[in-house]
Amino acid sequence: MSEEKELKLEGLREDMRVVTANIIKLVQKRMEIASQIGNIKNNLMMNIEDISVEQEISRYVHEMGMQTGLNNEFIGRLLNLLFLESIKIQKE
């Protein structure tokens, strides 16, 4: 492989590390928000799970995914992980 391509590859790998770190930071922020929501729901004696809210978020994110060209199945799997972790945190 040429030196130019190796440098390009290493630059792209660094970009990937930075983007991945940003995703993790955003997920952590999302979980902090989930915890706050859980506290409010517990104080109001509300159910933790709210299917209508999950459906609204799902529709919104799937629409964004379509606009950006992301695979719909991937988006569904990612949302499921986020929803499950949020529910777990809200129950704590």
PDB file of N, CA and C in Angstrom:
ATOM      1  N   MET A   1       0.861  -1.179   0.000  1.00  0.00           N
ATOM      2  CA  MET A   1       0.000   0.000   0.000  1.00  0.00           C
ATOM      3  C   MET A   1       0.899   1.231   0.000  1.00  0.00           C
ATOM      4  N   SER A   2       0.483   2.236  -0.740  1.00  0.00           N
ATOM      5  CA  SER A   2       1.295   3.444  -0.819  1.00  0.00           C
ATOM      6  C   SER A   2       1.228   4.212   0.500  1.00  0.00           C
ATOM      7  N   GLU A   3       2.259   5.000   0.728  1.00  0.00           N
ATOM      8  CA  GLU A   3       2.319   5.788   1.958  1.00  0.00           C
ATOM      9  C   GLU A   3       1.134   6.752   2.046  1.00  0.00           C
ATOM     10  N   GLU A   4       0.751   7.303   0.911  1.00  0.00           N
ATOM     11  CA  GLU A   4      -0.385   8.237   0.882  1.00  0.00           C
ATOM     12  C   GLU A   4      -1.668   7.550   1.336  1.00  0.00           C
ATOM     13  N   LYS A   5      -1.890   6.345   0.845  1.00  0.00           N
ATOM     14  CA  LYS A   5      -3.095   5.602   1.230  1.00  0.00           C
ATOM     15  C   LYS A   5      -3.040   5.173   2.684  1.00  0.00           C
ATOM     16  N   GLU A   6      -1.871   4.834   3.169  1.00  0.00           N
ATOM     17  CA  GLU A   6      -1.723   4.467   4.579  1.00  0.00           C
ATOM     18  C   GLU A   6      -2.036   5.649   5.484  1.00  0.00           C
ATOM     19  N   LEU A   7      -1.566   6.826   5.095  1.00  0.00           N
ATOM     20  CA  LEU A   7      -1.862   8.032   5.872  1.00  0.00           C
ATOM     21  C   LEU A   7      -3.361   8.339   5.846  1.00  0.00           C
ATOM     22  N   LYS A   8      -3.968   8.183   4.683  1.00  0.00           N
ATOM     23  CA  LYS A   8      -5.407   8.404   4.553  1.00  0.00           C
ATOM     24  C   LYS A   8      -6.173   7.417   5.445  1.00  0.00           C
ATOM     25  N   LEU A   9      -5.751   6.159   5.423  1.00  0.00           N
ATOM     26  CA  LEU A   9      -6.384   5.128   6.239  1.00  0.00           C
ATOM     27  C   LEU A   9      -6.265   5.463   7.714  1.00  0.00           C
ATOM     28  N   GLU A  10      -5.098   5.856   8.160  1.00  0.00           N
ATOM     29  CA  GLU A  10      -4.904   6.190   9.571  1.00  0.00           C
ATOM     30  C   GLU A  10      -5.739   7.406   9.954  1.00  0.00           C
ATOM     31  N   GLY A  11      -5.834   8.381   9.066  1.00  0.00           N
ATOM     32  CA  GLY A  11      -6.683   9.544   9.327  1.00  0.00           C
ATOM     33  C   GLY A  11      -8.142   9.164   9.468  1.00  0.00           C
ATOM     34  N   LEU A  12      -8.593   8.288   8.603  1.00  0.00           N
ATOM     35  CA  LEU A  12      -9.988   7.827   8.682  1.00  0.00           C
ATOM     36  C   LEU A  12     -10.232   7.035   9.960  1.00  0.00           C
ATOM     37  N   ARG A  13      -9.269   6.225  10.355  1.00  0.00           N
ATOM     38  CA  ARG A  13      -9.409   5.473  11.609  1.00  0.00           C
ATOM     39  C   ARG A  13      -9.482   6.411  12.808  1.00  0.00           C
ATOM     40  N   GLU A  14      -8.704   7.473  12.781  1.00  0.00           N
ATOM     41  CA  GLU A  14      -8.769   8.459  13.865  1.00  0.00           C
ATOM     42  C   GLU A  14     -10.134   9.146  13.867  1.00  0.00           C
ATOM     43  N   ASP A  15     -10.631   9.506  12.694  1.00  0.00           N
ATOM     44  CA  ASP A  15     -11.982  10.086  12.597  1.00  0.00           C
ATOM     45  C   ASP A  15     -13.011   9.132  13.193  1.00  0.00           C
ATOM     46  N   MET A  16     -12.865   7.832  12.906  1.00  0.00           N
ATOM     47  CA  MET A  16     -13.791   6.827  13.416  1.00  0.00           C
ATOM     48  C   MET A  16     -13.732   6.772  14.945  1.00  0.00           C
ATOM     49  N   ARG A  17     -12.529   6.840  15.512  1.00  0.00           N
ATOM     50  CA  ARG A  17     -12.387   6.832  16.979  1.00  0.00           C
ATOM     51  C   ARG A  17     -13.081   8.040  17.597  1.00  0.00           C
ATOM     52  N   VAL A  18     -12.886   9.200  16.992  1.00  0.00           N
ATOM     53  CA  VAL A  18     -13.488  10.427  17.522  1.00  0.00           C
ATOM     54  C   VAL A  18     -15.014  10.359  17.440  1.00  0.00           C
ATOM     55  N   VAL A  19     -15.533   9.940  16.305  1.00  0.00           N
ATOM     56  CA  VAL A  19     -16.984   9.837  16.144  1.00  0.00           C
ATOM     57  C   VAL A  19     -17.560   8.816  17.132  1.00  0.00           C
ATOM     58  N   THR A  20     -16.888   7.693  17.296  1.00  0.00           N
ATOM     59  CA  THR A  20     -17.363   6.674  18.232  1.00  0.00           C
ATOM     60  C   THR A  20     -17.359   7.203  19.665  1.00  0.00           C
ATOM     61  N   ALA A  21     -16.320   7.923  20.043  1.00  0.00           N
ATOM     62  CA  ALA A  21     -16.267   8.526  21.373  1.00  0.00           C
ATOM     63  C   ALA A  21     -17.412   9.519  21.565  1.00  0.00           C
ATOM     64  N   ASN A  22     -17.711  10.290  20.532  1.00  0.00           N
ATOM     65  CA  ASN A  22     -18.831  11.240  20.613  1.00  0.00           C
ATOM     66  C   ASN A  22     -20.165  10.515  20.773  1.00  0.00           C
ATOM     67  N   ILE A  23     -20.328   9.404  20.080  1.00  0.00           N
ATOM     68  CA  ILE A  23     -21.553   8.615  20.213  1.00  0.00           C
ATOM     69  C   ILE A  23     -21.700   8.131  21.650  1.00  0.00           C
ATOM     70  N   ILE A  24     -20.612   7.625  22.237  1.00  0.00           N
ATOM     71  CA  ILE A  24     -20.656   7.134  23.619  1.00  0.00           C
ATOM     72  C   ILE A  24     -21.023   8.260  24.579  1.00  0.00           C
ATOM     73  N   LYS A  25     -20.451   9.431  24.373  1.00  0.00           N
ATOM     74  CA  LYS A  25     -20.775  10.584  25.224  1.00  0.00           C
ATOM     75  C   LYS A  25     -22.254  10.952  25.102  1.00  0.00           C
ATOM     76  N   LEU A  26     -22.793  10.902  23.893  1.00  0.00           N
ATOM     77  CA  LEU A  26     -24.209  11.220  23.694  1.00  0.00           C
ATOM     78  C   LEU A  26     -25.111  10.159  24.320  1.00  0.00           C
ATOM     79  N   VAL A  27     -24.710   8.899  24.233  1.00  0.00           N
ATOM     80  CA  VAL A  27     -25.490   7.833  24.867  1.00  0.00           C
ATOM     81  C   VAL A  27     -25.485   8.037  26.380  1.00  0.00           C
ATOM     82  N   GLN A  28     -24.337   8.395  26.935  1.00  0.00           N
ATOM     83  CA  GLN A  28     -24.253   8.641  28.378  1.00  0.00           C
ATOM     84  C   GLN A  28     -25.175   9.801  28.775  1.00  0.00           C
ATOM     85  N   LYS A  29     -25.219  10.849  27.961  1.00  0.00           N
ATOM     86  CA  LYS A  29     -26.120  11.980  28.231  1.00  0.00           C
ATOM     87  C   LYS A  29     -27.577  11.529  28.153  1.00  0.00           C
ATOM     88  N   ARG A  30     -27.885  10.665  27.183  1.00  0.00           N
ATOM     89  CA  ARG A  30     -29.242  10.141  27.052  1.00  0.00           C
ATOM     90  C   ARG A  30     -29.640   9.360  28.299  1.00  0.00           C
ATOM     91  N   MET A  31     -28.708   8.606  28.858  1.00  0.00           N
ATOM     92  CA  MET A  31     -29.002   7.815  30.052  1.00  0.00           C
ATOM     93  C   MET A  31     -29.176   8.704  31.278  1.00  0.00           C
ATOM     94  N   GLU A  32     -28.429   9.805  31.337  1.00  0.00           N
ATOM     95  CA  GLU A  32     -28.645  10.781  32.416  1.00  0.00           C
ATOM     96  C   GLU A  32     -30.065  11.346  32.331  1.00  0.00           C
ATOM     97  N   ILE A  33     -30.503  11.661  31.127  1.00  0.00           N
ATOM     98  CA  ILE A  33     -31.862  12.176  30.923  1.00  0.00           C
ATOM     99  C   ILE A  33     -32.877  11.118  31.312  1.00  0.00           C
ATOM    100  N   ALA A  34     -32.629   9.857  30.933  1.00  0.00           N
ATOM    101  CA  ALA A  34     -33.531   8.762  31.291  1.00  0.00           C
ATOM    102  C   ALA A  34     -33.653   8.652  32.809  1.00  0.00           C
ATOM    103  N   SER A  35     -32.553   8.805  33.515  1.00  0.00           N
ATOM    104  CA  SER A  35     -32.574   8.749  34.974  1.00  0.00           C
ATOM    105  C   SER A  35     -33.441   9.867  35.557  1.00  0.00           C
ATOM    106  N   GLN A  36     -33.294  11.062  35.024  1.00  0.00           N
ATOM    107  CA  GLN A  36     -34.112  12.191  35.486  1.00  0.00           C
ATOM    108  C   GLN A  36     -35.593  11.941  35.204  1.00  0.00           C
ATOM    109  N   ILE A  37     -35.887  11.414  34.021  1.00  0.00           N
ATOM    110  CA  ILE A  37     -37.280  11.092  33.676  1.00  0.00           C
ATOM    111  C   ILE A  37     -37.819  10.044  34.643  1.00  0.00           C
ATOM    112  N   GLY A  38     -36.994   9.022  34.931  1.00  0.00           N
ATOM    113  CA  GLY A  38     -37.408   7.979  35.862  1.00  0.00           C
ATOM    114  C   GLY A  38     -37.719   8.536  37.239  1.00  0.00           C
ATOM    115  N   ASN A  39     -36.895   9.465  37.721  1.00  0.00           N
ATOM    116  CA  ASN A  39     -37.150  10.087  39.021  1.00  0.00           C
ATOM    117  C   ASN A  39     -38.484  10.816  39.039  1.00  0.00           C
ATOM    118  N   ILE A  40     -38.755  11.558  37.983  1.00  0.00           N
ATOM    119  CA  ILE A  40     -40.027  12.296  37.911  1.00  0.00           C
ATOM    120  C   ILE A  40     -41.194  11.320  37.840  1.00  0.00           C
ATOM    121  N   LYS A  41     -41.083  10.292  36.998  1.00  0.00           N
ATOM    122  CA  LYS A  41     -42.163   9.307  36.886  1.00  0.00           C
ATOM    123  C   LYS A  41     -42.407   8.608  38.221  1.00  0.00           C
ATOM    124  N   ASN A  42     -41.333   8.263  38.935  1.00  0.00           N
ATOM    125  CA  ASN A  42     -41.499   7.622  40.240  1.00  0.00           C
ATOM    126  C   ASN A  42     -42.195   8.551  41.223  1.00  0.00           C
ATOM    127  N   ASN A  43     -41.808   9.831  41.237  1.00  0.00           N
ATOM    128  CA  ASN A  43     -42.450  10.805  42.127  1.00  0.00           C
ATOM    129  C   ASN A  43     -43.928  10.982  41.805  1.00  0.00           C
ATOM    130  N   LEU A  44     -44.269  10.891  40.516  1.00  0.00           N
ATOM    131  CA  LEU A  44     -45.663  11.043  40.096  1.00  0.00           C
ATOM    132  C   LEU A  44     -46.407   9.708  40.067  1.00  0.00           C
ATOM    133  N   MET A  45     -45.696   8.621  40.445  1.00  0.00           N
ATOM    134  CA  MET A  45     -46.265   7.277  40.457  1.00  0.00           C
ATOM    135  C   MET A  45     -46.789   6.887  39.070  1.00  0.00           C
ATOM    136  N   MET A  46     -46.013   7.209  38.064  1.00  0.00           N
ATOM    137  CA  MET A  46     -46.357   6.871  36.677  1.00  0.00           C
ATOM    138  C   MET A  46     -45.655   5.581  36.282  1.00  0.00           C
ATOM    139  N   ASN A  47     -46.196   4.906  35.274  1.00  0.00           N
ATOM    140  CA  ASN A  47     -45.522   3.744  34.701  1.00  0.00           C
ATOM    141  C   ASN A  47     -44.233   4.183  34.041  1.00  0.00           C
ATOM    142  N   ILE A  48     -43.219   3.341  34.156  1.00  0.00           N
ATOM    143  CA  ILE A  48     -41.935   3.657  33.531  1.00  0.00           C
ATOM    144  C   ILE A  48     -42.042   3.549  32.012  1.00  0.00           C
ATOM    145  N   GLU A  49     -42.639   2.478  31.533  1.00  0.00           N
ATOM    146  CA  GLU A  49     -42.725   2.270  30.088  1.00  0.00           C
ATOM    147  C   GLU A  49     -43.912   3.042  29.509  1.00  0.00           C
ATOM    148  N   ASP A  50     -43.662   3.751  28.428  1.00  0.00           N
ATOM    149  CA  ASP A  50     -44.700   4.509  27.734  1.00  0.00           C
ATOM    150  C   ASP A  50     -44.569   4.216  26.239  1.00  0.00           C
ATOM    151  N   ILE A  51     -45.379   3.284  25.787  1.00  0.00           N
ATOM    152  CA  ILE A  51     -45.292   2.820  24.399  1.00  0.00           C
ATOM    153  C   ILE A  51     -45.506   3.960  23.410  1.00  0.00           C
ATOM    154  N   SER A  52     -46.416   4.874  23.712  1.00  0.00           N
ATOM    155  CA  SER A  52     -46.694   5.960  22.761  1.00  0.00           C
ATOM    156  C   SER A  52     -45.469   6.857  22.583  1.00  0.00           C
ATOM    157  N   VAL A  53     -44.725   7.102  23.653  1.00  0.00           N
ATOM    158  CA  VAL A  53     -43.511   7.914  23.549  1.00  0.00           C
ATOM    159  C   VAL A  53     -42.454   7.162  22.751  1.00  0.00           C
ATOM    160  N   GLU A  54     -42.299   5.857  23.019  1.00  0.00           N
ATOM    161  CA  GLU A  54     -41.334   5.057  22.266  1.00  0.00           C
ATOM    162  C   GLU A  54     -41.686   5.036  20.782  1.00  0.00           C
ATOM    163  N   GLN A  55     -42.975   4.919  20.478  1.00  0.00           N
ATOM    164  CA  GLN A  55     -43.407   4.898  19.074  1.00  0.00           C
ATOM    165  C   GLN A  55     -43.128   6.231  18.395  1.00  0.00           C
ATOM    166  N   GLU A  56     -43.355   7.322  19.107  1.00  0.00           N
ATOM    167  CA  GLU A  56     -43.092   8.655  18.555  1.00  0.00           C
ATOM    168  C   GLU A  56     -41.605   8.826  18.254  1.00  0.00           C
ATOM    169  N   ILE A  57     -40.758   8.443  19.211  1.00  0.00           N
ATOM    170  CA  ILE A  57     -39.316   8.534  19.007  1.00  0.00           C
ATOM    171  C   ILE A  57     -38.900   7.640  17.838  1.00  0.00           C
ATOM    172  N   SER A  58     -39.456   6.443  17.796  1.00  0.00           N
ATOM    173  CA  SER A  58     -39.126   5.481  16.744  1.00  0.00           C
ATOM    174  C   SER A  58     -39.484   6.036  15.362  1.00  0.00           C
ATOM    175  N   ARG A  59     -40.677   6.592  15.225  1.00  0.00           N
ATOM    176  CA  ARG A  59     -41.087   7.181  13.942  1.00  0.00           C
ATOM    177  C   ARG A  59     -40.139   8.304  13.535  1.00  0.00           C
ATOM    178  N   TYR A  60     -39.830   9.161  14.483  1.00  0.00           N
ATOM    179  CA  TYR A  60     -38.947  10.299  14.223  1.00  0.00           C
ATOM    180  C   TYR A  60     -37.560   9.828  13.765  1.00  0.00           C
ATOM    181  N   VAL A  61     -36.996   8.867  14.489  1.00  0.00           N
ATOM    182  CA  VAL A  61     -35.646   8.398  14.184  1.00  0.00           C
ATOM    183  C   VAL A  61     -35.618   7.599  12.883  1.00  0.00           C
ATOM    184  N   HIS A  62     -36.660   6.796  12.636  1.00  0.00           N
ATOM    185  CA  HIS A  62     -36.705   6.053  11.372  1.00  0.00           C
ATOM    186  C   HIS A  62     -36.809   7.020  10.181  1.00  0.00           C
ATOM    187  N   GLU A  63     -37.554   8.083  10.344  1.00  0.00           N
ATOM    188  CA  GLU A  63     -37.650   9.094   9.286  1.00  0.00           C
ATOM    189  C   GLU A  63     -36.290   9.736   9.046  1.00  0.00           C
ATOM    190  N   MET A  64     -35.594  10.082  10.119  1.00  0.00           N
ATOM    191  CA  MET A  64     -34.242  10.637   9.988  1.00  0.00           C
ATOM    192  C   MET A  64     -33.339   9.649   9.273  1.00  0.00           C
ATOM    193  N   GLY A  65     -33.458   8.387   9.640  1.00  0.00           N
ATOM    194  CA  GLY A  65     -32.637   7.351   9.022  1.00  0.00           C
ATOM    195  C   GLY A  65     -32.876   7.243   7.531  1.00  0.00           C
ATOM    196  N   MET A  66     -34.139   7.327   7.137  1.00  0.00           N
ATOM    197  CA  MET A  66     -34.468   7.270   5.711  1.00  0.00           C
ATOM    198  C   MET A  66     -33.845   8.450   4.977  1.00  0.00           C
ATOM    199  N   GLN A  67     -33.905   9.628   5.591  1.00  0.00           N
ATOM    200  CA  GLN A  67     -33.357  10.821   4.965  1.00  0.00           C
ATOM    201  C   GLN A  67     -31.838  10.764   4.832  1.00  0.00           C
ATOM    202  N   THR A  68     -31.190  10.057   5.763  1.00  0.00           N
ATOM    203  CA  THR A  68     -29.731   9.995   5.734  1.00  0.00           C
ATOM    204  C   THR A  68     -29.197   8.724   5.084  1.00  0.00           C
ATOM    205  N   GLY A  69     -30.098   7.801   4.746  1.00  0.00           N
ATOM    206  CA  GLY A  69     -29.681   6.584   4.068  1.00  0.00           C
ATOM    207  C   GLY A  69     -29.244   5.457   4.983  1.00  0.00           C
ATOM    208  N   LEU A  70     -29.522   5.570   6.280  1.00  0.00           N
ATOM    209  CA  LEU A  70     -29.172   4.484   7.195  1.00  0.00           C
ATOM    210  C   LEU A  70     -30.143   3.323   7.032  1.00  0.00           C
ATOM    211  N   ASN A  71     -29.640   2.128   7.267  1.00  0.00           N
ATOM    212  CA  ASN A  71     -30.444   0.921   7.166  1.00  0.00           C
ATOM    213  C   ASN A  71     -31.515   0.906   8.251  1.00  0.00           C
ATOM    214  N   ASN A  72     -32.762   0.696   7.838  1.00  0.00           N
ATOM    215  CA  ASN A  72     -33.898   0.734   8.751  1.00  0.00           C
ATOM    216  C   ASN A  72     -33.802  -0.344   9.832  1.00  0.00           C
ATOM    217  N   GLU A  73     -33.327  -1.523   9.468  1.00  0.00           N
ATOM    218  CA  GLU A  73     -33.185  -2.613  10.442  1.00  0.00           C
ATOM    219  C   GLU A  73     -32.139  -2.255  11.499  1.00  0.00           C
ATOM    220  N   PHE A  74     -31.040  -1.659  11.073  1.00  0.00           N
ATOM    221  CA  PHE A  74     -30.002  -1.223  12.006  1.00  0.00           C
ATOM    222  C   PHE A  74     -30.568  -0.199  12.989  1.00  0.00           C
ATOM    223  N   ILE A  75     -31.320   0.752  12.477  1.00  0.00           N
ATOM    224  CA  ILE A  75     -31.921   1.775  13.337  1.00  0.00           C
ATOM    225  C   ILE A  75     -32.823   1.120  14.375  1.00  0.00           C
ATOM    226  N   GLY A  76     -33.612   0.151  13.958  1.00  0.00           N
ATOM    227  CA  GLY A  76     -34.494  -0.554  14.887  1.00  0.00           C
ATOM    228  C   GLY A  76     -33.719  -1.247  15.992  1.00  0.00           C
ATOM    229  N   ARG A  77     -32.635  -1.926  15.632  1.00  0.00           N
ATOM    230  CA  ARG A  77     -31.814  -2.612  16.647  1.00  0.00           C
ATOM    231  C   ARG A  77     -31.184  -1.611  17.616  1.00  0.00           C
ATOM    232  N   LEU A  78     -30.696  -0.508  17.081  1.00  0.00           N
ATOM    233  CA  LEU A  78     -30.080   0.515  17.919  1.00  0.00           C
ATOM    234  C   LEU A  78     -31.103   1.124  18.871  1.00  0.00           C
ATOM    235  N   LEU A  79     -32.285   1.441  18.355  1.00  0.00           N
ATOM    236  CA  LEU A  79     -33.335   1.994  19.213  1.00  0.00           C
ATOM    237  C   LEU A  79     -33.736   1.015  20.304  1.00  0.00           C
ATOM    238  N   ASN A  80     -33.845  -0.264  19.962  1.00  0.00           N
ATOM    239  CA  ASN A  80     -34.198  -1.259  20.974  1.00  0.00           C
ATOM    240  C   ASN A  80     -33.186  -1.260  22.116  1.00  0.00           C
ATOM    241  N   LEU A  81     -31.900  -1.206  21.779  1.00  0.00           N
ATOM    242  CA  LEU A  81     -30.868  -1.152  22.816  1.00  0.00           C
ATOM    243  C   LEU A  81     -31.025   0.097  23.688  1.00  0.00           C
ATOM    244  N   LEU A  82     -31.243   1.230  23.049  1.00  0.00           N
ATOM    245  CA  LEU A  82     -31.407   2.484  23.804  1.00  0.00           C
ATOM    246  C   LEU A  82     -32.647   2.449  24.681  1.00  0.00           C
ATOM    247  N   PHE A  83     -33.752   1.961  24.136  1.00  0.00           N
ATOM    248  CA  PHE A  83     -34.988   1.884  24.914  1.00  0.00           C
ATOM    249  C   PHE A  83     -34.835   0.944  26.108  1.00  0.00           C
ATOM    250  N   LEU A  84     -34.252  -0.236  25.887  1.00  0.00           N
ATOM    251  CA  LEU A  84     -34.080  -1.203  26.976  1.00  0.00           C
ATOM    252  C   LEU A  84     -33.215  -0.653  28.088  1.00  0.00           C
ATOM    253  N   GLU A  85     -32.115   0.001  27.721  1.00  0.00           N
ATOM    254  CA  GLU A  85     -31.229   0.575  28.747  1.00  0.00           C
ATOM    255  C   GLU A  85     -31.908   1.730  29.465  1.00  0.00           C
ATOM    256  N   SER A  86     -32.659   2.553  28.756  1.00  0.00           N
ATOM    257  CA  SER A  86     -33.376   3.661  29.377  1.00  0.00           C
ATOM    258  C   SER A  86     -34.400   3.154  30.386  1.00  0.00           C
ATOM    259  N   ILE A  87     -35.130   2.111  30.011  1.00  0.00           N
ATOM    260  CA  ILE A  87     -36.132   1.536  30.914  1.00  0.00           C
ATOM    261  C   ILE A  87     -35.447   0.982  32.172  1.00  0.00           C
ATOM    262  N   LYS A  88     -34.334   0.284  31.964  1.00  0.00           N
ATOM    263  CA  LYS A  88     -33.585  -0.273  33.088  1.00  0.00           C
ATOM    264  C   LYS A  88     -33.154   0.833  34.041  1.00  0.00           C
ATOM    265  N   ILE A  89     -32.620   1.908  33.499  1.00  0.00           N
ATOM    266  CA  ILE A  89     -32.149   3.028  34.330  1.00  0.00           C
ATOM    267  C   ILE A  89     -33.318   3.707  35.029  1.00  0.00           C
ATOM    268  N   GLN A  90     -34.454   3.864  34.342  1.00  0.00           N
ATOM    269  CA  GLN A  90     -35.601   4.518  34.962  1.00  0.00           C
ATOM    270  C   GLN A  90     -36.176   3.693  36.103  1.00  0.00           C
ATOM    271  N   LYS A  91     -35.998   2.383  36.058  1.00  0.00           N
ATOM    272  CA  LYS A  91     -36.517   1.523  37.119  1.00  0.00           C
ATOM    273  C   LYS A  91     -35.622   1.523  38.352  1.00  0.00           C
ATOM    274  N   GLU A  92     -34.390   1.976  38.203  1.00  0.00           N
ATOM    275  CA  GLU A  92     -33.440   1.960  39.340  1.00  0.00           C
ATOM    276  C   GLU A  92     -33.777   3.028  40.363  1.00  0.00           C
TER     277      GLU A  92
END
